[in-house]
Amino acid sequence: TNPIERKMMAGFFSALDRMLEGMSPATIVEVGAGEGRITGRLAER
């Protein structure tokens, strides 16, 4: 919830979204998933 960290994470997610543009994978694995926040984001996308 730290505003600086939230801004940093917004930049991180923006870069990730650009990397994923145009992809249509049938199978996705996240290695080092931790709490699963990225995994859940991938499932939504």
All heavy atoms as atom14 arrays in JSON, in Angstrom:
{
  "sequence": "TNPIERKMMAGFFSALDRMLEGMSPATIVEVGAGEGRITGRLAER",
  "atom14_mask": [
    [1, 1, 1, 1, 1, 1, 1, 0, 0, 0, 0, 0, 0, 0],
    [1, 1, 1, 1, 1, 1, 1, 1, 0, 0, 0, 0, 0, 0],
    [1, 1, 1, 1, 1, 1, 1, 0, 0, 0, 0, 0, 0, 0],
    [1, 1, 1, 1, 1, 1, 1, 1, 0, 0, 0, 0, 0, 0],
    [1, 1, 1, 1, 1, 1, 1, 1, 1, 0, 0, 0, 0, 0],
    [1, 1, 1, 1, 1, 1, 1, 1, 1, 1, 1, 0, 0, 0],
    [1, 1, 1, 1, 1, 1, 1, 1, 1, 0, 0, 0, 0, 0],
    [1, 1, 1, 1, 1, 1, 1, 1, 0, 0, 0, 0, 0, 0],
    [1, 1, 1, 1, 1, 1, 1, 1, 0, 0, 0, 0, 0, 0],
    [1, 1, 1, 1, 1, 0, 0, 0, 0, 0, 0, 0, 0, 0],
    [1, 1, 1, 1, 0, 0, 0, 0, 0, 0, 0, 0, 0, 0],
    [1, 1, 1, 1, 1, 1, 1, 1, 1, 1, 1, 0, 0, 0],
    [1, 1, 1, 1, 1, 1, 1, 1, 1, 1, 1, 0, 0, 0],
    [1, 1, 1, 1, 1, 1, 0, 0, 0, 0, 0, 0, 0, 0],
    [1, 1, 1, 1, 1, 0, 0, 0, 0, 0, 0, 0, 0, 0],
    [1, 1, 1, 1, 1, 1, 1, 1, 0, 0, 0, 0, 0, 0],
    [1, 1, 1, 1, 1, 1, 1, 1, 0, 0, 0, 0, 0, 0],
    [1, 1, 1, 1, 1, 1, 1, 1, 1, 1, 1, 0, 0, 0],
    [1, 1, 1, 1, 1, 1, 1, 1, 0, 0, 0, 0, 0, 0],
    [1, 1, 1, 1, 1, 1, 1, 1, 0, 0, 0, 0, 0, 0],
    [1, 1, 1, 1, 1, 1, 1, 1, 1, 0, 0, 0, 0, 0],
    [1, 1, 1, 1, 0, 0, 0, 0, 0, 0, 0, 0, 0, 0],
    [1, 1, 1, 1, 1, 1, 1, 1, 0, 0, 0, 0, 0, 0],
    [1, 1, 1, 1, 1, 1, 0, 0, 0, 0, 0, 0, 0, 0],
    [1, 1, 1, 1, 1, 1, 1, 0, 0, 0, 0, 0, 0, 0],
    [1, 1, 1, 1, 1, 0, 0, 0, 0, 0, 0, 0, 0, 0],
    [1, 1, 1, 1, 1, 1, 1, 0, 0, 0, 0, 0, 0, 0],
    [1, 1, 1, 1, 1, 1, 1, 1, 0, 0, 0, 0, 0, 0],
    [1, 1, 1, 1, 1, 1, 1, 0, 0, 0, 0, 0, 0, 0],
    [1, 1, 1, 1, 1, 1, 1, 1, 1, 0, 0, 0, 0, 0],
    [1, 1, 1, 1, 1, 1, 1, 0, 0, 0, 0, 0, 0, 0],
    [1, 1, 1, 1, 0, 0, 0, 0, 0, 0, 0, 0, 0, 0],
    [1, 1, 1, 1, 1, 0, 0, 0, 0, 0, 0, 0, 0, 0],
    [1, 1, 1, 1, 0, 0, 0, 0, 0, 0, 0, 0, 0, 0],
    [1, 1, 1, 1, 1, 1, 1, 1, 1, 0, 0, 0, 0, 0],
    [1, 1, 1, 1, 0, 0, 0, 0, 0, 0, 0, 0, 0, 0],
    [1, 1, 1, 1, 1, 1, 1, 1, 1, 1, 1, 0, 0, 0],
    [1, 1, 1, 1, 1, 1, 1, 1, 0, 0, 0, 0, 0, 0],
    [1, 1, 1, 1, 1, 1, 1, 0, 0, 0, 0, 0, 0, 0],
    [1, 1, 1, 1, 0, 0, 0, 0, 0, 0, 0, 0, 0, 0],
    [1, 1, 1, 1, 1, 1, 1, 1, 1, 1, 1, 0, 0, 0],
    [1, 1, 1, 1, 1, 1, 1, 1, 0, 0, 0, 0, 0, 0],
    [1, 1, 1, 1, 1, 0, 0, 0, 0, 0, 0, 0, 0, 0],
    [1, 1, 1, 1, 1, 1, 1, 1, 1, 0, 0, 0, 0, 0],
    [1, 1, 1, 1, 1, 1, 1, 1, 1, 1, 1, 0, 0, 0]
  ],
  "atom14_positions": [
    [[0.82, -1.21, 0.0], [0.0, 0.0, 0.0], [0.86, 1.27, 0.0], [0.32, 2.37, -0.02], [-0.93, 0.01, 1.23], [-0.13, -0.05, 2.42], [-1.9, -1.15, 1.19], [0.0, 0.0, 0.0], [0.0, 0.0, 0.0], [0.0, 0.0, 0.0], [0.0, 0.0, 0.0], [0.0, 0.0, 0.0], [0.0, 0.0, 0.0], [0.0, 0.0, 0.0]],
    [[2.19, 1.11, 0.04], [3.09, 2.26, 0.0], [2.96, 2.94, -1.37], [3.09, 2.29, -2.42], [4.53, 1.77, 0.22], [5.53, 2.91, 0.18], [5.8, 3.47, -0.87], [6.1, 3.23, 1.33], [0.0, 0.0, 0.0], [0.0, 0.0, 0.0], [0.0, 0.0, 0.0], [0.0, 0.0, 0.0], [0.0, 0.0, 0.0], [0.0, 0.0, 0.0]],
    [[2.7, 4.26, -1.42], [2.45, 4.91, -2.7], [3.63, 4.84, -3.67], [3.42, 4.73, -4.89], [2.13, 6.36, -2.32], [2.63, 6.53, -0.92], [2.53, 5.19, -0.28], [0.0, 0.0, 0.0], [0.0, 0.0, 0.0], [0.0, 0.0, 0.0], [0.0, 0.0, 0.0], [0.0, 0.0, 0.0], [0.0, 0.0, 0.0], [0.0, 0.0, 0.0]],
    [[4.85, 4.9, -3.15], [6.02, 4.8, -4.03], [6.12, 3.4, -4.61], [6.34, 3.22, -5.82], [7.31, 5.18, -3.26], [7.26, 6.65, -2.84], [8.54, 4.91, -4.13], [8.43, 7.08, -1.99], [0.0, 0.0, 0.0], [0.0, 0.0, 0.0], [0.0, 0.0, 0.0], [0.0, 0.0, 0.0], [0.0, 0.0, 0.0], [0.0, 0.0, 0.0]],
    [[5.94, 2.4, -3.74], [6.01, 1.02, -4.22], [4.87, 0.72, -5.18], [5.05, -0.02, -6.16], [6.01, 0.06, -3.04], [7.29, 0.14, -2.22], [7.31, -0.84, -1.06], [6.24, -1.4, -0.73], [8.39, -1.03, -0.47], [0.0, 0.0, 0.0], [0.0, 0.0, 0.0], [0.0, 0.0, 0.0], [0.0, 0.0, 0.0], [0.0, 0.0, 0.0]],
    [[3.69, 1.28, -4.94], [2.57, 1.07, -5.85], [2.86, 1.67, -7.23], [2.52, 1.08, -8.26], [1.29, 1.67, -5.27], [0.73, 0.87, -4.1], [-0.49, 1.56, -3.5], [-1.6, 1.59, -4.44], [-2.49, 0.61, -4.58], [-2.37, -0.51, -3.85], [-3.48, 0.7, -5.44], [0.0, 0.0, 0.0], [0.0, 0.0, 0.0], [0.0, 0.0, 0.0]],
    [[3.52, 2.82, -7.26], [3.89, 3.43, -8.54], [4.92, 2.56, -9.26], [4.85, 2.38, -10.49], [4.44, 4.83, -8.32], [4.75, 5.57, -9.61], [5.14, 7.02, -9.35], [5.4, 7.76, -10.66], [5.76, 9.18, -10.44], [0.0, 0.0, 0.0], [0.0, 0.0, 0.0], [0.0, 0.0, 0.0], [0.0, 0.0, 0.0], [0.0, 0.0, 0.0]],
    [[5.89, 2.03, -8.5], [6.88, 1.14, -9.09], [6.22, -0.1, -9.67], [6.54, -0.54, -10.78], [7.93, 0.76, -8.04], [8.85, 1.91, -7.65], [9.76, 1.58, -6.11], [10.51, 0.02, -6.45], [0.0, 0.0, 0.0], [0.0, 0.0, 0.0], [0.0, 0.0, 0.0], [0.0, 0.0, 0.0], [0.0, 0.0, 0.0], [0.0, 0.0, 0.0]],
    [[5.27, -0.68, -8.91], [4.6, -1.89, -9.37], [3.74, -1.6, -10.6], [3.6, -2.45, -11.48], [3.75, -2.5, -8.26], [4.55, -3.07, -7.09], [5.94, -4.13, -7.59], [5.15, -5.31, -8.68], [0.0, 0.0, 0.0], [0.0, 0.0, 0.0], [0.0, 0.0, 0.0], [0.0, 0.0, 0.0], [0.0, 0.0, 0.0], [0.0, 0.0, 0.0]],
    [[3.16, -0.39, -10.68], [2.39, -0.02, -11.87], [3.29, -0.04, -13.11], [2.88, -0.51, -14.18], [1.76, 1.35, -11.68], [0.0, 0.0, 0.0], [0.0, 0.0, 0.0], [0.0, 0.0, 0.0], [0.0, 0.0, 0.0], [0.0, 0.0, 0.0], [0.0, 0.0, 0.0], [0.0, 0.0, 0.0], [0.0, 0.0, 0.0], [0.0, 0.0, 0.0]],
    [[4.52, 0.45, -12.96], [5.47, 0.4, -14.06], [5.85, -1.02, -14.42], [5.99, -1.37, -15.61], [0.0, 0.0, 0.0], [0.0, 0.0, 0.0], [0.0, 0.0, 0.0], [0.0, 0.0, 0.0], [0.0, 0.0, 0.0], [0.0, 0.0, 0.0], [0.0, 0.0, 0.0], [0.0, 0.0, 0.0], [0.0, 0.0, 0.0], [0.0, 0.0, 0.0]],
    [[6.0, -1.87, -13.4], [6.33, -3.27, -13.6], [5.22, -3.97, -14.39], [5.47, -4.66, -15.38], [6.52, -3.94, -12.24], [6.87, -5.38, -12.29], [8.2, -5.79, -12.33], [5.89, -6.36, -12.24], [8.53, -7.14, -12.35], [6.21, -7.7, -12.26], [7.54, -8.1, -12.31], [0.0, 0.0, 0.0], [0.0, 0.0, 0.0], [0.0, 0.0, 0.0]],
    [[3.97, -3.78, -13.96], [2.84, -4.43, -14.62], [2.65, -3.9, -16.05], [2.28, -4.65, -16.96], [1.57, -4.24, -13.82], [1.5, -5.1, -12.58], [1.2, -4.53, -11.36], [1.74, -6.45, -12.65], [1.14, -5.31, -10.21], [1.68, -7.25, -11.52], [1.37, -6.68, -10.29], [0.0, 0.0, 0.0], [0.0, 0.0, 0.0], [0.0, 0.0, 0.0]],
    [[2.92, -2.62, -16.25], [2.81, -2.04, -17.58], [3.81, -2.7, -18.53], [3.48, -3.03, -19.68], [3.03, -0.54, -17.52], [2.97, 0.04, -18.81], [0.0, 0.0, 0.0], [0.0, 0.0, 0.0], [0.0, 0.0, 0.0], [0.0, 0.0, 0.0], [0.0, 0.0, 0.0], [0.0, 0.0, 0.0], [0.0, 0.0, 0.0], [0.0, 0.0, 0.0]],
    [[5.05, -2.89, -18.05], [6.06, -3.57, -18.86], [5.66, -5.0, -19.15], [5.82, -5.49, -20.28], [7.41, -3.52, -18.15], [0.0, 0.0, 0.0], [0.0, 0.0, 0.0], [0.0, 0.0, 0.0], [0.0, 0.0, 0.0], [0.0, 0.0, 0.0], [0.0, 0.0, 0.0], [0.0, 0.0, 0.0], [0.0, 0.0, 0.0], [0.0, 0.0, 0.0]],
    [[5.13, -5.7, -18.15], [4.69, -7.07, -18.35], [3.57, -7.14, -19.37], [3.58, -8.0, -20.26], [4.24, -7.67, -17.01], [3.67, -9.09, -17.07], [4.69, -10.08, -17.62], [3.18, -9.52, -15.69], [0.0, 0.0, 0.0], [0.0, 0.0, 0.0], [0.0, 0.0, 0.0], [0.0, 0.0, 0.0], [0.0, 0.0, 0.0], [0.0, 0.0, 0.0]],
    [[2.6, -6.24, -19.26], [1.48, -6.24, -20.21], [1.98, -6.03, -21.64], [1.48, -6.67, -22.58], [0.48, -5.14, -19.85], [-0.33, -5.48, -18.61], [-0.39, -6.67, -18.23], [-0.89, -4.55, -18.0], [0.0, 0.0, 0.0], [0.0, 0.0, 0.0], [0.0, 0.0, 0.0], [0.0, 0.0, 0.0], [0.0, 0.0, 0.0], [0.0, 0.0, 0.0]],
    [[2.98, -5.16, -21.81], [3.53, -4.95, -23.16], [4.2, -6.22, -23.67], [4.11, -6.54, -24.85], [4.52, -3.78, -23.15], [3.85, -2.42, -22.98], [4.81, -1.29, -23.33], [5.99, -1.28, -22.47], [6.07, -0.65, -21.31], [5.01, 0.01, -20.83], [7.19, -0.67, -20.6], [0.0, 0.0, 0.0], [0.0, 0.0, 0.0], [0.0, 0.0, 0.0]],
    [[4.89, -6.94, -22.79], [5.53, -8.19, -23.19], [4.51, -9.22, -23.68], [4.8, -10.03, -24.55], [6.32, -8.78, -22.01], [7.49, -7.95, -21.53], [8.98, -8.3, -22.48], [10.13, -7.16, -21.72], [0.0, 0.0, 0.0], [0.0, 0.0, 0.0], [0.0, 0.0, 0.0], [0.0, 0.0, 0.0], [0.0, 0.0, 0.0], [0.0, 0.0, 0.0]],
    [[3.33, -9.19, -23.08], [2.31, -10.22, -23.36], [1.41, -9.85, -24.54], [0.6, -10.7, -24.97], [1.45, -10.44, -22.11], [2.2, -10.94, -20.87], [1.25, -11.04, -19.69], [2.88, -12.28, -21.12], [0.0, 0.0, 0.0], [0.0, 0.0, 0.0], [0.0, 0.0, 0.0], [0.0, 0.0, 0.0], [0.0, 0.0, 0.0], [0.0, 0.0, 0.0]],
    [[1.51, -8.64, -25.04], [0.65, -8.21, -26.13], [0.79, -9.13, -27.35], [1.9, -9.49, -27.74], [0.98, -6.77, -26.54], [0.43, -5.73, -25.6], [0.78, -4.31, -26.04], [1.39, -4.17, -27.13], [0.48, -3.37, -25.31], [0.0, 0.0, 0.0], [0.0, 0.0, 0.0], [0.0, 0.0, 0.0], [0.0, 0.0, 0.0], [0.0, 0.0, 0.0]],
    [[-0.34, -9.52, -27.91], [-0.34, -10.34, -29.11], [-0.21, -11.83, -28.86], [-0.3, -12.63, -29.79], [0.0, 0.0, 0.0], [0.0, 0.0, 0.0], [0.0, 0.0, 0.0], [0.0, 0.0, 0.0], [0.0, 0.0, 0.0], [0.0, 0.0, 0.0], [0.0, 0.0, 0.0], [0.0, 0.0, 0.0], [0.0, 0.0, 0.0], [0.0, 0.0, 0.0]],
    [[0.02, -12.23, -27.62], [0.17, -13.65, -27.31], [-1.2, -14.28, -27.08], [-2.13, -13.63, -26.58], [1.03, -13.85, -26.05], [2.46, -13.43, -26.2], [3.43, -13.92, -24.72], [4.99, -13.14, -25.08], [0.0, 0.0, 0.0], [0.0, 0.0, 0.0], [0.0, 0.0, 0.0], [0.0, 0.0, 0.0], [0.0, 0.0, 0.0], [0.0, 0.0, 0.0]],
    [[-1.32, -15.56, -27.44], [-2.54, -16.32, -27.17], [-2.17, -17.74, -26.74], [-2.5, -18.71, -27.43], [-3.45, -16.34, -28.39], [-2.75, -16.83, -29.54], [0.0, 0.0, 0.0], [0.0, 0.0, 0.0], [0.0, 0.0, 0.0], [0.0, 0.0, 0.0], [0.0, 0.0, 0.0], [0.0, 0.0, 0.0], [0.0, 0.0, 0.0], [0.0, 0.0, 0.0]],
    [[-1.45, -17.87, -25.61], [-0.98, -19.19, -25.18], [-2.13, -20.07, -24.69], [-3.07, -19.59, -24.06], [-0.02, -18.86, -24.04], [-0.55, -17.56, -23.49], [-1.07, -16.81, -24.67], [0.0, 0.0, 0.0], [0.0, 0.0, 0.0], [0.0, 0.0, 0.0], [0.0, 0.0, 0.0], [0.0, 0.0, 0.0], [0.0, 0.0, 0.0], [0.0, 0.0, 0.0]],
    [[-2.0, -21.37, -24.96], [-2.97, -22.34, -24.42], [-2.54, -22.85, -23.06], [-3.38, -23.26, -22.26], [-3.15, -23.5, -25.39], [0.0, 0.0, 0.0], [0.0, 0.0, 0.0], [0.0, 0.0, 0.0], [0.0, 0.0, 0.0], [0.0, 0.0, 0.0], [0.0, 0.0, 0.0], [0.0, 0.0, 0.0], [0.0, 0.0, 0.0], [0.0, 0.0, 0.0]],
    [[-1.24, -22.85, -22.81], [-0.7, -23.32, -21.53], [0.29, -22.29, -20.99], [1.15, -21.8, -21.74], [0.01, -24.68, -21.66], [0.97, -24.6, -22.73], [-0.99, -25.79, -21.96], [0.0, 0.0, 0.0], [0.0, 0.0, 0.0], [0.0, 0.0, 0.0], [0.0, 0.0, 0.0], [0.0, 0.0, 0.0], [0.0, 0.0, 0.0], [0.0, 0.0, 0.0]],
    [[0.17, -21.98, -19.71], [1.03, -20.99, -19.06], [1.46, -21.54, -17.71], [0.64, -22.07, -16.94], [0.29, -19.65, -18.82], [-0.29, -19.1, -20.13], [1.23, -18.62, -18.18], [-1.21, -17.91, -19.93], [0.0, 0.0, 0.0], [0.0, 0.0, 0.0], [0.0, 0.0, 0.0], [0.0, 0.0, 0.0], [0.0, 0.0, 0.0], [0.0, 0.0, 0.0]],
    [[2.75, -21.43, -17.4], [3.27, -21.8, -16.09], [4.03, -20.6, -15.53], [4.87, -20.02, -16.23], [4.21, -23.02, -16.15], [4.94, -23.23, -14.83], [3.42, -24.28, -16.51], [0.0, 0.0, 0.0], [0.0, 0.0, 0.0], [0.0, 0.0, 0.0], [0.0, 0.0, 0.0], [0.0, 0.0, 0.0], [0.0, 0.0, 0.0], [0.0, 0.0, 0.0]],
    [[3.72, -20.24, -14.28], [4.53, -19.25, -13.58], [5.41, -19.97, -12.59], [4.93, -20.67, -11.69], [3.7, -18.21, -12.84], [4.61, -17.15, -12.24], [3.94, -16.18, -11.3], [2.76, -16.35, -10.96], [4.64, -15.24, -10.87], [0.0, 0.0, 0.0], [0.0, 0.0, 0.0], [0.0, 0.0, 0.0], [0.0, 0.0, 0.0], [0.0, 0.0, 0.0]],
    [[6.71, -19.81, -12.73], [7.71, -20.39, -11.83], [8.05, -19.35, -10.77], [8.31, -18.19, -11.09], [8.97, -20.8, -12.61], [10.03, -21.34, -11.66], [8.64, -21.83, -13.67], [0.0, 0.0, 0.0], [0.0, 0.0, 0.0], [0.0, 0.0, 0.0], [0.0, 0.0, 0.0], [0.0, 0.0, 0.0], [0.0, 0.0, 0.0], [0.0, 0.0, 0.0]],
    [[8.05, -19.76, -9.5], [8.28, -18.81, -8.43], [7.06, -17.93, -8.22], [7.15, -16.71, -8.13], [0.0, 0.0, 0.0], [0.0, 0.0, 0.0], [0.0, 0.0, 0.0], [0.0, 0.0, 0.0], [0.0, 0.0, 0.0], [0.0, 0.0, 0.0], [0.0, 0.0, 0.0], [0.0, 0.0, 0.0], [0.0, 0.0, 0.0], [0.0, 0.0, 0.0]],
    [[5.89, -18.56, -8.13], [4.62, -17.84, -8.15], [4.31, -17.12, -6.85], [3.44, -16.25, -6.83], [3.48, -18.82, -8.48], [0.0, 0.0, 0.0], [0.0, 0.0, 0.0], [0.0, 0.0, 0.0], [0.0, 0.0, 0.0], [0.0, 0.0, 0.0], [0.0, 0.0, 0.0], [0.0, 0.0, 0.0], [0.0, 0.0, 0.0], [0.0, 0.0, 0.0]],
    [[4.99, -17.46, -5.75], [4.72, -16.79, -4.48], [3.27, -16.89, -4.09], [2.66, -17.96, -4.13], [0.0, 0.0, 0.0], [0.0, 0.0, 0.0], [0.0, 0.0, 0.0], [0.0, 0.0, 0.0], [0.0, 0.0, 0.0], [0.0, 0.0, 0.0], [0.0, 0.0, 0.0], [0.0, 0.0, 0.0], [0.0, 0.0, 0.0], [0.0, 0.0, 0.0]],
    [[2.67, -15.77, -3.71], [1.28, -15.75, -3.29], [0.31, -15.94, -4.46], [-0.9, -16.07, -4.25], [0.95, -14.43, -2.58], [1.71, -14.22, -1.28], [3.1, -13.64, -1.5], [3.47, -13.39, -2.68], [3.82, -13.43, -0.52], [0.0, 0.0, 0.0], [0.0, 0.0, 0.0], [0.0, 0.0, 0.0], [0.0, 0.0, 0.0], [0.0, 0.0, 0.0]],
    [[0.82, -15.95, -5.68], [-0.03, -16.21, -6.84], [-0.66, -14.99, -7.45], [-1.57, -15.11, -8.28], [0.0, 0.0, 0.0], [0.0, 0.0, 0.0], [0.0, 0.0, 0.0], [0.0, 0.0, 0.0], [0.0, 0.0, 0.0], [0.0, 0.0, 0.0], [0.0, 0.0, 0.0], [0.0, 0.0, 0.0], [0.0, 0.0, 0.0], [0.0, 0.0, 0.0]],
    [[-0.18, -13.81, -7.11], [-0.83, -12.6, -7.63], [-0.62, -12.46, -9.14], [-1.53, -12.05, -9.85], [-0.33, -11.36, -6.89], [-0.55, -11.48, -5.38], [-0.45, -10.17, -4.67], [-0.51, -10.37, -3.23], [-1.63, -10.47, -2.54], [-2.8, -10.39, -3.17], [-1.6, -10.65, -1.23], [0.0, 0.0, 0.0], [0.0, 0.0, 0.0], [0.0, 0.0, 0.0]],
    [[0.56, -12.79, -9.62], [0.79, -12.76, -11.06], [0.04, -13.9, -11.74], [-0.54, -13.73, -12.81], [2.29, -12.84, -11.37], [3.03, -11.62, -10.81], [2.53, -12.96, -12.88], [2.69, -10.31, -11.48], [0.0, 0.0, 0.0], [0.0, 0.0, 0.0], [0.0, 0.0, 0.0], [0.0, 0.0, 0.0], [0.0, 0.0, 0.0], [0.0, 0.0, 0.0]],
    [[0.03, -15.08, -11.11], [-0.68, -16.23, -11.68], [-2.15, -15.89, -11.88], [-2.73, -16.19, -12.94], [-0.55, -17.46, -10.76], [0.78, -17.58, -10.28], [-0.91, -18.73, -11.51], [0.0, 0.0, 0.0], [0.0, 0.0, 0.0], [0.0, 0.0, 0.0], [0.0, 0.0, 0.0], [0.0, 0.0, 0.0], [0.0, 0.0, 0.0], [0.0, 0.0, 0.0]],
    [[-2.76, -15.28, -10.86], [-4.15, -14.88, -10.99], [-4.36, -13.85, -12.09], [-5.34, -13.89, -12.83], [0.0, 0.0, 0.0], [0.0, 0.0, 0.0], [0.0, 0.0, 0.0], [0.0, 0.0, 0.0], [0.0, 0.0, 0.0], [0.0, 0.0, 0.0], [0.0, 0.0, 0.0], [0.0, 0.0, 0.0], [0.0, 0.0, 0.0], [0.0, 0.0, 0.0]],
    [[-3.42, -12.94, -12.2], [-3.48, -11.91, -13.25], [-3.41, -12.55, -14.63], [-4.13, -12.16, -15.55], [-2.33, -10.92, -13.04], [-2.37, -9.68, -13.94], [-1.15, -8.82, -13.66], [-1.12, -7.63, -14.47], [-1.58, -6.43, -14.08], [-2.1, -6.3, -12.87], [-1.51, -5.38, -14.87], [0.0, 0.0, 0.0], [0.0, 0.0, 0.0], [0.0, 0.0, 0.0]],
    [[-2.55, -13.56, -14.78], [-2.43, -14.27, -16.05], [-3.71, -15.01, -16.39], [-4.13, -15.05, -17.55], [-1.24, -15.23, -15.99], [0.14, -14.6, -15.93], [1.19, -15.64, -15.56], [0.5, -13.94, -17.26], [0.0, 0.0, 0.0], [0.0, 0.0, 0.0], [0.0, 0.0, 0.0], [0.0, 0.0, 0.0], [0.0, 0.0, 0.0], [0.0, 0.0, 0.0]],
    [[-4.33, -15.64, -15.37], [-5.58, -16.37, -15.6], [-6.68, -15.43, -16.06], [-7.52, -15.79, -16.9], [-5.99, -17.1, -14.33], [0.0, 0.0, 0.0], [0.0, 0.0, 0.0], [0.0, 0.0, 0.0], [0.0, 0.0, 0.0], [0.0, 0.0, 0.0], [0.0, 0.0, 0.0], [0.0, 0.0, 0.0], [0.0, 0.0, 0.0], [0.0, 0.0, 0.0]],
    [[-6.71, -14.19, -15.54], [-7.7, -13.21, -15.96], [-7.44, -12.73, -17.39], [-8.36, -12.53, -18.17], [-7.7, -12.02, -15.01], [-8.24, -12.35, -13.62], [-8.17, -11.17, -12.68], [-7.71, -10.08, -13.12], [-8.57, -11.31, -11.51], [0.0, 0.0, 0.0], [0.0, 0.0, 0.0], [0.0, 0.0, 0.0], [0.0, 0.0, 0.0], [0.0, 0.0, 0.0]],
    [[-6.17, -12.55, -17.71], [-5.82, -12.04, -19.05], [-6.05, -13.09, -20.12], [-6.44, -12.77, -21.25], [-4.37, -11.57, -19.06], [-3.97, -10.96, -20.41], [-2.53, -10.55, -20.45], [-2.19, -9.99, -21.75], [-1.93, -8.71, -21.99], [-1.98, -7.83, -21.0], [-1.63, -8.28, -23.2], [0.0, 0.0, 0.0], [0.0, 0.0, 0.0], [0.0, 0.0, 0.0]]
  ]
}
